[in-house]
Protein backbone atom coordinates (compact mmCIF):
# COMPACT_ATOMS: atom_id res chain seq x y z
CA MET A 1 77.41 -120.47 -90.65
CA ARG A 2 75.48 -122.66 -88.24
CA PHE A 3 72.36 -120.51 -88.42
CA THR A 4 72.35 -120.66 -92.23
CA ARG A 5 72.66 -124.44 -92.15
CA LEU A 6 69.83 -124.70 -89.64
CA ARG A 7 67.59 -122.51 -91.79
CA PHE A 8 68.37 -124.67 -94.81
CA LEU A 9 67.46 -127.85 -92.90
CA ILE A 10 64.20 -126.32 -91.69
CA LEU A 11 63.31 -125.16 -95.21
CA ALA A 12 64.20 -128.52 -96.75
CA SER A 13 62.20 -130.47 -94.18
CA GLY A 14 59.21 -128.19 -94.75
CA LEU A 15 59.34 -128.75 -98.48
CA LEU A 16 59.68 -132.49 -98.10
CA ALA A 17 56.82 -132.70 -95.60
CA GLY A 18 54.50 -130.57 -97.74
CA GLY A 19 53.37 -133.57 -99.79
CA GLY A 20 51.66 -135.15 -96.79
CA CYS A 21 49.05 -132.44 -96.44
CA THR A 22 46.20 -132.97 -98.86
CA PRO A 23 43.10 -130.79 -99.11
CA GLN A 24 40.61 -133.60 -98.55
CA GLY A 25 38.92 -131.96 -95.60
CA ALA A 26 38.52 -133.03 -92.02
CA PRO A 27 37.43 -136.59 -91.20
CA SER A 28 33.95 -135.71 -89.98
CA PHE A 29 30.34 -136.59 -90.60
CA PRO A 30 27.06 -134.71 -90.17
CA VAL A 31 24.88 -135.38 -87.13
CA VAL A 32 21.71 -133.28 -86.89
CA GLY A 33 23.22 -130.64 -89.15
CA ALA A 34 26.51 -130.28 -87.25
CA TYR A 35 29.78 -131.92 -88.29
CA PHE A 36 31.42 -134.04 -85.61
CA PRO A 37 35.00 -135.26 -85.85
CA ASP A 38 35.50 -139.00 -85.95
CA TRP A 39 37.94 -139.04 -83.04
CA MET A 40 35.29 -137.56 -80.75
CA VAL A 41 32.88 -140.39 -81.50
CA CYS A 42 35.63 -142.97 -80.99
CA GLY A 43 36.55 -141.34 -77.67
CA LEU A 44 32.95 -141.43 -76.48
CA ILE A 45 32.70 -145.10 -77.47
CA GLY A 46 35.92 -145.80 -75.56
CA VAL A 47 34.56 -144.09 -72.43
CA ALA A 48 31.29 -146.01 -72.72
CA VAL A 49 33.15 -149.32 -73.09
CA ALA A 50 35.35 -148.56 -70.07
CA VAL A 51 32.34 -147.67 -67.91
CA GLY A 52 30.45 -150.73 -69.13
CA LEU A 53 33.38 -153.01 -68.36
CA ARG A 54 33.70 -151.48 -64.90
CA VAL A 55 30.05 -152.30 -64.19
CA ILE A 56 30.51 -155.85 -65.48
CA PHE A 57 33.71 -156.32 -63.46
CA LEU A 58 31.98 -155.03 -60.31
CA LEU A 59 29.06 -157.42 -60.79
CA THR A 60 31.31 -160.43 -61.40
CA GLY A 61 33.83 -159.61 -58.67
CA LEU A 62 36.79 -159.20 -61.01
CA ASP A 63 37.26 -155.58 -59.94
CA ALA A 64 38.48 -156.67 -56.51
CA ILE A 65 41.47 -158.56 -57.92
CA LEU A 66 42.69 -155.77 -60.22
CA SER A 67 45.83 -154.10 -58.93
CA PHE A 68 45.81 -150.95 -61.10
CA ARG A 69 42.12 -150.30 -61.69
CA LEU A 70 42.39 -146.84 -63.23
CA PHE A 71 45.07 -147.85 -65.71
CA THR A 72 43.23 -151.05 -66.58
CA TYR A 73 39.98 -149.26 -67.42
CA VAL A 74 41.75 -146.47 -69.30
CA ALA A 75 43.68 -149.03 -71.34
CA MET A 76 40.50 -150.94 -72.17
CA GLY A 77 38.78 -147.73 -73.23
CA VAL A 78 41.72 -146.74 -75.43
CA ILE A 79 41.83 -150.19 -76.99
CA ALA A 80 38.10 -150.01 -77.74
CA ALA A 81 38.40 -146.50 -79.21
CA LEU A 82 41.34 -147.45 -81.43
CA THR A 83 39.59 -150.61 -82.56
CA VAL A 84 36.51 -148.63 -83.59
CA TRP A 85 38.73 -146.07 -85.33
CA THR A 86 40.51 -148.79 -87.28
CA LEU A 87 37.44 -150.83 -88.21
CA VAL A 88 35.04 -147.99 -89.02
CA PHE A 89 37.17 -145.04 -90.13
CA GLY A 90 40.39 -146.80 -91.15
CA PRO A 91 41.74 -147.24 -94.68
């Protein structure tokens, strides 16, 4: 009895979730003939921003007062990547 109920719930959830998948294609754009996904570009921008901010913080002396350097730079890179994703590729 339990197994039948579980199968029904799995089937029902699959049918209800089926409307979210649309055949629009992957969010990508051509660069020199190859298609690159948008998230990869946003990730590279996030890494570049984190490295750039590290250089700026080292030059200004702010790096010395940071307690969690790795987490700070990762968070700044993620924030930059998500901002680019929202502004450029968002709805």
